[in-house]
Amino acid sequence: MNKKVYLSWEDVYGLLDKIYAQIEEPIDYVAGIPRGGTILAILYSHRFGTKYKELTYLHPPRLLVIDDIADSGKTLFELRETMFDCKFATLHYKLSSIVKPDYFAQELQDTSGWIVYPWEKKDSKEIQDYLDI
């Protein structure tokens, strides 16, 4: 089993600040990929004064879509197929991901361990199966 890395809310805010600092073009709206991305989009919206928008395929221009991690990259890959004019950001980007987000706060090796975000249970399994809580 891989080691677990526990993040605090302060860690998350610091990572959001790194993403914000990278963005040069105007972003009018921010949306999040459910589950972890929704929380991040709301935090980003409040922290940087960007309008929050629920994630839909019919979206306004200049939309930033945010998620917690690009792990396998499958989610980002699927969304880019239909939302090709959006920008994508993640707190973490694993080098093994099939998609590299437009913006990310931290690059990870596959051996970096399992990240436990502050909105997750401390004993979360290394799969996102929250149905057996």
N, C-alpha and C. Protein backbone atom coordinates (compact mmCIF):
# COMPACT_ATOMS: atom_id res chain seq x y z
N MET A 1 0.84 -1.19 0.00
CA MET A 1 0.00 0.00 0.00
C MET A 1 0.89 1.25 0.00
N ASN A 2 0.52 2.21 -0.80
CA ASN A 2 1.26 3.47 -0.86
C ASN A 2 1.04 4.29 0.40
N LYS A 3 1.99 5.13 0.70
CA LYS A 3 1.81 6.05 1.82
C LYS A 3 0.72 7.06 1.47
N LYS A 4 0.12 7.61 2.52
CA LYS A 4 -0.89 8.65 2.32
C LYS A 4 -0.31 10.00 2.71
N VAL A 5 -0.65 11.01 1.92
CA VAL A 5 -0.22 12.38 2.17
C VAL A 5 -1.48 13.17 2.50
N TYR A 6 -1.54 13.72 3.70
CA TYR A 6 -2.71 14.45 4.16
C TYR A 6 -2.50 15.94 3.95
N LEU A 7 -3.46 16.57 3.27
CA LEU A 7 -3.38 18.02 3.04
C LEU A 7 -4.30 18.74 4.00
N SER A 8 -3.90 19.93 4.39
CA SER A 8 -4.74 20.80 5.21
C SER A 8 -5.45 21.80 4.29
N TRP A 9 -6.38 22.53 4.86
CA TRP A 9 -7.05 23.58 4.09
C TRP A 9 -6.04 24.64 3.66
N GLU A 10 -5.06 24.93 4.51
CA GLU A 10 -4.03 25.91 4.16
C GLU A 10 -3.22 25.42 2.96
N ASP A 11 -2.93 24.12 2.92
CA ASP A 11 -2.24 23.55 1.76
C ASP A 11 -3.05 23.78 0.48
N VAL A 12 -4.35 23.54 0.56
CA VAL A 12 -5.23 23.68 -0.60
C VAL A 12 -5.24 25.13 -1.07
N TYR A 13 -5.36 26.08 -0.15
CA TYR A 13 -5.35 27.49 -0.53
C TYR A 13 -4.03 27.87 -1.19
N GLY A 14 -2.93 27.36 -0.68
CA GLY A 14 -1.62 27.63 -1.29
C GLY A 14 -1.53 27.08 -2.71
N LEU A 15 -2.09 25.90 -2.94
CA LEU A 15 -2.09 25.30 -4.28
C LEU A 15 -2.99 26.09 -5.22
N LEU A 16 -4.15 26.55 -4.72
CA LEU A 16 -5.02 27.39 -5.55
C LEU A 16 -4.31 28.69 -5.93
N ASP A 17 -3.56 29.26 -4.99
CA ASP A 17 -2.80 30.48 -5.28
C ASP A 17 -1.80 30.25 -6.41
N LYS A 18 -1.17 29.07 -6.43
CA LYS A 18 -0.21 28.76 -7.49
C LYS A 18 -0.89 28.68 -8.86
N ILE A 19 -2.09 28.09 -8.88
CA ILE A 19 -2.84 28.02 -10.14
C ILE A 19 -3.22 29.42 -10.60
N TYR A 20 -3.76 30.21 -9.69
CA TYR A 20 -4.18 31.57 -10.02
C TYR A 20 -3.03 32.38 -10.60
N ALA A 21 -1.83 32.22 -10.05
CA ALA A 21 -0.67 32.98 -10.50
C ALA A 21 -0.25 32.61 -11.92
N GLN A 22 -0.62 31.42 -12.40
CA GLN A 22 -0.25 30.98 -13.74
C GLN A 22 -1.16 31.53 -14.83
N ILE A 23 -2.36 31.91 -14.47
CA ILE A 23 -3.38 32.27 -15.46
C ILE A 23 -3.16 33.70 -15.95
N GLU A 24 -2.94 33.82 -17.25
CA GLU A 24 -2.69 35.13 -17.83
C GLU A 24 -3.90 35.68 -18.59
N GLU A 25 -4.69 34.80 -19.18
CA GLU A 25 -5.85 35.27 -19.94
C GLU A 25 -7.05 35.44 -19.00
N PRO A 26 -8.02 36.27 -19.39
CA PRO A 26 -9.18 36.49 -18.52
C PRO A 26 -9.99 35.21 -18.33
N ILE A 27 -10.39 34.97 -17.11
CA ILE A 27 -11.29 33.87 -16.76
C ILE A 27 -12.52 34.52 -16.14
N ASP A 28 -13.68 34.30 -16.75
CA ASP A 28 -14.91 34.90 -16.24
C ASP A 28 -15.66 34.00 -15.28
N TYR A 29 -15.51 32.67 -15.45
CA TYR A 29 -16.25 31.71 -14.64
C TYR A 29 -15.34 30.56 -14.24
N VAL A 30 -15.69 29.94 -13.13
CA VAL A 30 -15.00 28.74 -12.69
C VAL A 30 -16.05 27.67 -12.37
N ALA A 31 -15.75 26.44 -12.78
CA ALA A 31 -16.63 25.30 -12.49
C ALA A 31 -15.74 24.16 -12.00
N GLY A 32 -16.36 23.24 -11.29
CA GLY A 32 -15.59 22.13 -10.75
C GLY A 32 -16.09 20.79 -11.21
N ILE A 33 -15.16 19.87 -11.36
CA ILE A 33 -15.52 18.50 -11.71
C ILE A 33 -15.93 17.81 -10.40
N PRO A 34 -17.15 17.28 -10.36
CA PRO A 34 -17.59 16.62 -9.12
C PRO A 34 -16.69 15.45 -8.79
N ARG A 35 -16.37 15.28 -7.65
CA ARG A 35 -16.63 15.68 -6.29
C ARG A 35 -15.64 16.74 -5.83
N GLY A 36 -14.37 16.42 -5.80
CA GLY A 36 -13.38 17.35 -5.26
C GLY A 36 -13.28 18.66 -6.01
N GLY A 37 -13.50 18.65 -7.29
CA GLY A 37 -13.39 19.87 -8.08
C GLY A 37 -14.46 20.89 -7.77
N THR A 38 -15.64 20.43 -7.38
CA THR A 38 -16.71 21.37 -7.04
C THR A 38 -16.31 22.20 -5.84
N ILE A 39 -15.78 21.57 -4.82
CA ILE A 39 -15.31 22.28 -3.63
C ILE A 39 -14.24 23.29 -4.02
N LEU A 40 -13.30 22.86 -4.85
CA LEU A 40 -12.21 23.76 -5.26
C LEU A 40 -12.72 24.94 -6.07
N ALA A 41 -13.70 24.71 -6.94
CA ALA A 41 -14.24 25.81 -7.75
C ALA A 41 -14.91 26.85 -6.87
N ILE A 42 -15.62 26.40 -5.85
CA ILE A 42 -16.26 27.34 -4.93
C ILE A 42 -15.21 28.12 -4.15
N LEU A 43 -14.18 27.43 -3.66
CA LEU A 43 -13.09 28.11 -2.95
C LEU A 43 -12.40 29.13 -3.86
N TYR A 44 -12.13 28.72 -5.10
CA TYR A 44 -11.49 29.60 -6.08
C TYR A 44 -12.37 30.83 -6.33
N SER A 45 -13.65 30.61 -6.50
CA SER A 45 -14.59 31.69 -6.75
C SER A 45 -14.56 32.73 -5.64
N HIS A 46 -14.61 32.27 -4.41
CA HIS A 46 -14.58 33.19 -3.27
C HIS A 46 -13.23 33.86 -3.11
N ARG A 47 -12.17 33.11 -3.30
CA ARG A 47 -10.82 33.62 -3.06
C ARG A 47 -10.40 34.66 -4.09
N PHE A 48 -10.82 34.46 -5.35
CA PHE A 48 -10.32 35.33 -6.42
C PHE A 48 -11.43 36.14 -7.12
N GLY A 49 -12.64 36.10 -6.59
CA GLY A 49 -13.73 36.92 -7.13
C GLY A 49 -14.19 36.52 -8.52
N THR A 50 -14.08 35.24 -8.84
CA THR A 50 -14.52 34.73 -10.13
C THR A 50 -15.90 34.11 -9.97
N LYS A 51 -16.79 34.36 -10.91
CA LYS A 51 -18.15 33.82 -10.80
C LYS A 51 -18.13 32.30 -10.87
N TYR A 52 -18.88 31.67 -9.97
CA TYR A 52 -19.01 30.21 -9.97
C TYR A 52 -20.10 29.80 -10.94
N LYS A 53 -19.88 28.73 -11.66
CA LYS A 53 -20.85 28.21 -12.62
C LYS A 53 -20.88 26.69 -12.47
N GLU A 54 -22.07 26.12 -12.41
CA GLU A 54 -22.13 24.66 -12.39
C GLU A 54 -21.60 24.11 -13.70
N LEU A 55 -20.96 22.96 -13.62
CA LEU A 55 -20.36 22.36 -14.80
C LEU A 55 -21.44 21.79 -15.71
N THR A 56 -21.51 22.33 -16.92
CA THR A 56 -22.42 21.81 -17.95
C THR A 56 -21.69 21.87 -19.28
N TYR A 57 -22.15 21.08 -20.21
CA TYR A 57 -21.52 21.09 -21.54
C TYR A 57 -21.86 22.36 -22.30
N LEU A 58 -23.00 22.98 -21.97
CA LEU A 58 -23.32 24.28 -22.54
C LEU A 58 -22.80 25.32 -21.55
N HIS A 59 -21.69 25.90 -21.86
CA HIS A 59 -21.01 26.75 -20.89
C HIS A 59 -20.64 28.08 -21.52
N PRO A 60 -20.41 29.08 -20.65
CA PRO A 60 -20.00 30.39 -21.16
C PRO A 60 -18.54 30.34 -21.61
N PRO A 61 -18.14 31.32 -22.39
CA PRO A 61 -16.72 31.40 -22.77
C PRO A 61 -15.87 31.75 -21.55
N ARG A 62 -14.58 31.55 -21.67
CA ARG A 62 -13.60 31.88 -20.64
C ARG A 62 -13.92 31.19 -19.31
N LEU A 63 -14.13 29.88 -19.42
CA LEU A 63 -14.46 29.06 -18.25
C LEU A 63 -13.23 28.26 -17.83
N LEU A 64 -12.92 28.30 -16.55
CA LEU A 64 -11.88 27.47 -15.96
C LEU A 64 -12.57 26.30 -15.27
N VAL A 65 -12.19 25.08 -15.64
CA VAL A 65 -12.73 23.87 -15.02
C VAL A 65 -11.62 23.31 -14.13
N ILE A 66 -11.96 23.10 -12.87
CA ILE A 66 -10.94 22.72 -11.89
C ILE A 66 -11.27 21.38 -11.24
N ASP A 67 -10.23 20.63 -10.92
CA ASP A 67 -10.38 19.36 -10.22
C ASP A 67 -9.22 19.19 -9.25
N ASP A 68 -9.33 18.21 -8.38
CA ASP A 68 -8.28 18.02 -7.39
C ASP A 68 -7.02 17.40 -7.99
N ILE A 69 -7.16 16.37 -8.82
CA ILE A 69 -5.97 15.68 -9.32
C ILE A 69 -6.19 15.12 -10.72
N ALA A 70 -5.18 15.21 -11.54
CA ALA A 70 -5.15 14.50 -12.82
C ALA A 70 -4.34 13.24 -12.52
N ASP A 71 -5.05 12.16 -12.21
CA ASP A 71 -4.40 10.91 -11.82
C ASP A 71 -4.23 10.04 -13.05
N SER A 72 -5.29 9.37 -13.46
CA SER A 72 -5.22 8.63 -14.73
C SER A 72 -5.39 9.58 -15.91
N GLY A 73 -6.13 10.66 -15.70
CA GLY A 73 -6.40 11.64 -16.75
C GLY A 73 -7.65 11.34 -17.56
N LYS A 74 -8.33 10.25 -17.25
CA LYS A 74 -9.50 9.86 -18.03
C LYS A 74 -10.62 10.89 -17.96
N THR A 75 -10.86 11.44 -16.78
CA THR A 75 -11.93 12.44 -16.64
C THR A 75 -11.62 13.67 -17.48
N LEU A 76 -10.41 14.19 -17.38
CA LEU A 76 -10.04 15.36 -18.19
C LEU A 76 -10.10 15.05 -19.68
N PHE A 77 -9.67 13.88 -20.05
CA PHE A 77 -9.71 13.48 -21.46
C PHE A 77 -11.14 13.52 -22.00
N GLU A 78 -12.07 12.93 -21.25
CA GLU A 78 -13.48 12.90 -21.68
C GLU A 78 -14.06 14.31 -21.78
N LEU A 79 -13.77 15.15 -20.81
CA LEU A 79 -14.31 16.51 -20.83
C LEU A 79 -13.71 17.34 -21.96
N ARG A 80 -12.45 17.18 -22.23
CA ARG A 80 -11.82 17.94 -23.32
C ARG A 80 -12.40 17.58 -24.68
N GLU A 81 -12.94 16.39 -24.81
CA GLU A 81 -13.54 15.98 -26.08
C GLU A 81 -14.77 16.83 -26.42
N THR A 82 -15.48 17.30 -25.40
CA THR A 82 -16.70 18.08 -25.64
C THR A 82 -16.58 19.53 -25.19
N MET A 83 -15.61 19.82 -24.33
CA MET A 83 -15.44 21.18 -23.82
C MET A 83 -14.06 21.69 -24.22
N PHE A 84 -13.78 21.62 -25.50
CA PHE A 84 -12.45 21.91 -26.01
C PHE A 84 -12.03 23.37 -25.87
N ASP A 85 -12.97 24.26 -25.64
CA ASP A 85 -12.63 25.68 -25.53
C ASP A 85 -12.48 26.15 -24.09
N CYS A 86 -12.49 25.23 -23.13
CA CYS A 86 -12.28 25.57 -21.72
C CYS A 86 -10.81 25.39 -21.35
N LYS A 87 -10.44 25.98 -20.26
CA LYS A 87 -9.13 25.74 -19.66
C LYS A 87 -9.35 24.82 -18.47
N PHE A 88 -8.39 23.91 -18.25
CA PHE A 88 -8.50 22.94 -17.17
C PHE A 88 -7.35 23.10 -16.19
N ALA A 89 -7.67 23.00 -14.91
CA ALA A 89 -6.66 23.13 -13.86
C ALA A 89 -6.87 22.04 -12.81
N THR A 90 -5.77 21.57 -12.25
CA THR A 90 -5.84 20.63 -11.14
C THR A 90 -4.80 21.03 -10.09
N LEU A 91 -5.10 20.70 -8.85
CA LEU A 91 -4.11 20.95 -7.81
C LEU A 91 -2.87 20.10 -8.06
N HIS A 92 -3.11 18.83 -8.41
CA HIS A 92 -2.02 17.89 -8.62
C HIS A 92 -2.11 17.26 -10.01
N TYR A 93 -0.94 17.04 -10.59
CA TYR A 93 -0.83 16.42 -11.90
C TYR A 93 0.18 15.29 -11.81
N LYS A 94 -0.30 14.06 -12.00
CA LYS A 94 0.61 12.91 -12.02
C LYS A 94 1.19 12.75 -13.42
N LEU A 95 2.47 12.53 -13.49
CA LEU A 95 3.14 12.40 -14.78
C LEU A 95 2.59 11.26 -15.62
N SER A 96 1.95 10.27 -15.00
CA SER A 96 1.37 9.15 -15.73
C SER A 96 0.00 9.46 -16.32
N SER A 97 -0.55 10.63 -16.03
CA SER A 97 -1.87 11.01 -16.55
C SER A 97 -1.82 11.09 -18.08
N ILE A 98 -2.89 10.66 -18.72
CA ILE A 98 -2.94 10.71 -20.18
C ILE A 98 -3.21 12.13 -20.69
N VAL A 99 -3.58 13.03 -19.78
CA VAL A 99 -3.83 14.43 -20.13
C VAL A 99 -3.08 15.32 -19.15
N LYS A 100 -2.42 16.32 -19.69
CA LYS A 100 -1.77 17.32 -18.85
C LYS A 100 -2.70 18.52 -18.78
N PRO A 101 -3.12 18.92 -17.58
CA PRO A 101 -4.01 20.09 -17.49
C PRO A 101 -3.30 21.37 -17.94
N ASP A 102 -4.08 22.36 -18.32
CA ASP A 102 -3.51 23.64 -18.73
C ASP A 102 -2.74 24.28 -17.58
N TYR A 103 -3.25 24.11 -16.38
CA TYR A 103 -2.63 24.67 -15.18
C TYR A 103 -2.64 23.60 -14.09
N PHE A 104 -1.60 23.56 -13.32
CA PHE A 104 -1.57 22.67 -12.16
C PHE A 104 -0.61 23.28 -11.14
N ALA A 105 -0.85 22.97 -9.88
CA ALA A 105 -0.03 23.55 -8.82
C ALA A 105 1.18 22.70 -8.49
N GLN A 106 1.03 21.38 -8.61
CA GLN A 106 2.13 20.51 -8.22
C GLN A 106 2.16 19.27 -9.11
N GLU A 107 3.34 18.95 -9.59
CA GLU A 107 3.56 17.75 -10.40
C GLU A 107 3.98 16.62 -9.47
N LEU A 108 3.42 15.42 -9.70
CA LEU A 108 3.70 14.28 -8.84
C LEU A 108 4.22 13.09 -9.65
N GLN A 109 5.10 12.35 -9.02
CA GLN A 109 5.51 11.06 -9.56
C GLN A 109 4.44 10.03 -9.16
N ASP A 110 4.41 8.91 -9.81
CA ASP A 110 3.46 7.87 -9.45
C ASP A 110 3.72 7.32 -8.05
N THR A 111 4.92 7.48 -7.57
CA THR A 111 5.29 6.96 -6.25
C THR A 111 5.06 7.98 -5.14
N SER A 112 4.39 9.08 -5.45
CA SER A 112 4.21 10.16 -4.48
C SER A 112 3.27 9.81 -3.34
N GLY A 113 2.50 8.75 -3.47
CA GLY A 113 1.55 8.38 -2.42
C GLY A 113 0.15 8.81 -2.76
N TRP A 114 -0.78 8.41 -1.93
CA TRP A 114 -2.20 8.72 -2.10
C TRP A 114 -2.49 10.02 -1.38
N ILE A 115 -3.04 11.00 -2.08
CA ILE A 115 -3.34 12.30 -1.49
C ILE A 115 -4.71 12.24 -0.85
N VAL A 116 -4.79 12.65 0.40
CA VAL A 116 -6.06 12.74 1.12
C VAL A 116 -6.33 14.23 1.31
N TYR A 117 -7.34 14.72 0.62
CA TYR A 117 -7.70 16.13 0.69
C TYR A 117 -8.52 16.37 1.95
N PRO A 118 -8.57 17.61 2.43
CA PRO A 118 -9.23 17.87 3.72
C PRO A 118 -10.74 17.59 3.72
N TRP A 119 -11.37 17.50 2.58
CA TRP A 119 -12.80 17.20 2.54
C TRP A 119 -13.07 15.69 2.49
N GLU A 120 -12.03 14.90 2.45
CA GLU A 120 -12.18 13.45 2.41
C GLU A 120 -12.01 12.86 3.81
N LYS A 121 -12.49 11.64 3.96
CA LYS A 121 -12.30 10.93 5.22
C LYS A 121 -10.83 10.60 5.39
N LYS A 122 -10.34 10.65 6.61
CA LYS A 122 -8.93 10.36 6.89
C LYS A 122 -8.58 8.91 6.56
N ASP A 123 -9.57 8.02 6.61
CA ASP A 123 -9.30 6.61 6.32
C ASP A 123 -9.74 6.22 4.91
N SER A 124 -9.75 7.22 4.00
CA SER A 124 -10.21 6.94 2.64
C SER A 124 -9.34 5.88 1.98
N LYS A 125 -10.00 5.04 1.20
CA LYS A 125 -9.29 3.99 0.47
C LYS A 125 -8.65 4.60 -0.77
N GLU A 126 -7.77 3.84 -1.38
CA GLU A 126 -7.07 4.33 -2.55
C GLU A 126 -7.90 4.14 -3.83
N ILE A 127 -9.19 4.11 -3.67
CA ILE A 127 -10.13 4.19 -4.78
C ILE A 127 -11.20 5.16 -4.34
N GLN A 128 -11.89 5.75 -5.26
CA GLN A 128 -12.91 6.72 -4.89
C GLN A 128 -14.27 6.06 -4.81
N ASP A 129 -14.39 5.08 -3.95
CA ASP A 129 -15.65 4.40 -3.76
C ASP A 129 -16.22 4.81 -2.42
N TYR A 130 -17.02 5.85 -2.42
CA TYR A 130 -17.57 6.36 -1.18
C TYR A 130 -18.92 5.73 -0.85
N LEU A 131 -19.32 4.73 -1.61
CA LEU A 131 -20.60 4.11 -1.36
C LEU A 131 -20.59 3.19 -0.15
N ASP A 132 -19.42 2.74 0.28
CA ASP A 132 -19.42 1.87 1.44
C ASP A 132 -18.92 2.58 2.68
N ILE A 133 -19.40 3.80 2.87
CA ILE A 133 -19.06 4.58 4.07
C ILE A 133 -19.76 3.96 5.26
